Amino acid sequence: MKKLKEVFNTAKNFGTNKLQAKQEQLRQQLREKAIERANHRIGLAGRKPEQLISDELEAIVREEEDKLKASVK
C-alpha cells in the first residue's frame, strides 16, 4: 500500500511539474509579445524605449499584456 501511494504521488508531481513548466513558458511568450508591441507603440509615438523611465515602460508592457490576455479570452 505504501508503494502504491509513492507511485501515485510521483505521478501526480510529474504532471504538476509539467503543467507548471508549460504555464511558465506561456507566460514568458506572452511577456515577450507584449514587449514587442510596447516597443512598436513607443516608436509610433516618436520616442525610444530608452527615453522612458522603468515605471512608464512597465505600465505600457502591462497594458499590452492585458490586451493580449483579453484577446485570447
Protein backbone atom coordinates (compact mmCIF):
# COMPACT_ATOMS: atom_id res chain seq x y z
CA MET A 1 0.00 0.00 0.00
CA LYS A 2 2.82 2.41 0.86
CA LYS A 3 4.47 1.70 -2.50
CA LEU A 4 1.22 2.49 -4.33
CA LYS A 5 0.97 5.87 -2.57
CA GLU A 6 4.57 6.67 -3.55
CA VAL A 7 3.85 5.83 -7.20
CA PHE A 8 0.69 7.92 -7.14
CA ASN A 9 2.47 10.91 -5.57
CA THR A 10 5.34 10.63 -8.04
CA ALA A 11 2.90 10.60 -10.98
CA LYS A 12 0.94 13.50 -9.51
CA ASN A 13 4.09 15.58 -9.01
CA PHE A 14 5.29 14.77 -12.52
CA GLY A 15 2.03 16.04 -14.02
CA THR A 16 2.04 19.13 -11.83
CA ASN A 17 5.64 19.95 -12.73
CA LYS A 18 4.94 19.61 -16.46
CA LEU A 19 1.88 21.83 -16.15
CA GLN A 20 3.82 24.47 -14.22
CA ALA A 21 6.61 24.40 -16.79
CA LYS A 22 4.12 24.88 -19.63
CA GLN A 23 2.39 27.72 -17.79
CA GLU A 24 5.73 29.47 -17.25
CA GLN A 25 6.61 29.02 -20.92
CA LEU A 26 3.30 30.59 -21.98
CA ARG A 27 3.75 33.48 -19.53
CA GLN A 28 7.21 34.14 -20.98
CA GLN A 29 5.91 34.07 -24.55
CA LEU A 30 3.11 36.45 -23.61
CA ARG A 31 5.58 38.82 -21.95
CA GLU A 32 7.89 38.79 -24.98
CA LYS A 33 4.99 39.56 -27.34
CA ALA A 34 3.82 42.36 -25.04
CA ILE A 35 7.33 43.85 -25.04
CA GLU A 36 7.40 43.77 -28.86
CA ARG A 37 4.04 45.50 -29.02
CA ALA A 38 5.09 48.06 -26.40
CA ASN A 39 8.25 48.89 -28.36
CA HIS A 40 6.18 49.34 -31.51
CA ARG A 41 3.70 51.57 -29.67
CA ILE A 42 6.51 53.69 -28.23
CA GLY A 43 8.04 54.01 -31.70
CA LEU A 44 4.73 55.16 -33.16
CA ALA A 45 4.75 57.92 -30.54
CA GLY A 46 8.13 59.07 -31.90
CA ARG A 47 10.10 58.02 -28.85
CA LYS A 48 12.63 55.39 -27.92
CA PRO A 49 12.23 52.96 -25.00
CA GLU A 50 15.46 54.30 -23.54
CA GLN A 51 13.81 57.71 -23.13
CA LEU A 52 11.20 56.36 -20.71
CA ILE A 53 11.66 55.57 -17.04
CA SER A 54 11.23 51.96 -15.96
CA ASP A 55 7.80 52.61 -14.39
CA GLU A 56 6.48 54.02 -17.65
CA LEU A 57 7.88 51.08 -19.61
CA GLU A 58 6.38 48.59 -17.18
CA ALA A 59 2.97 50.28 -17.39
CA ILE A 60 2.98 50.11 -21.19
CA VAL A 61 4.08 46.47 -21.22
CA ARG A 62 1.43 45.61 -18.62
CA GLU A 63 -1.25 47.28 -20.78
CA GLU A 64 -0.11 45.26 -23.78
CA GLU A 65 -0.15 42.05 -21.71
CA ASP A 66 -3.70 42.83 -20.61
CA LYS A 67 -4.77 43.43 -24.22
CA LEU A 68 -3.25 40.12 -25.30
CA LYS A 69 -4.92 38.24 -22.46
CA ALA A 70 -8.28 39.83 -23.29
CA SER A 71 -7.96 38.88 -26.95
CA VAL A 72 -7.42 35.22 -26.00
CA LYS A 73 -10.47 35.01 -23.73
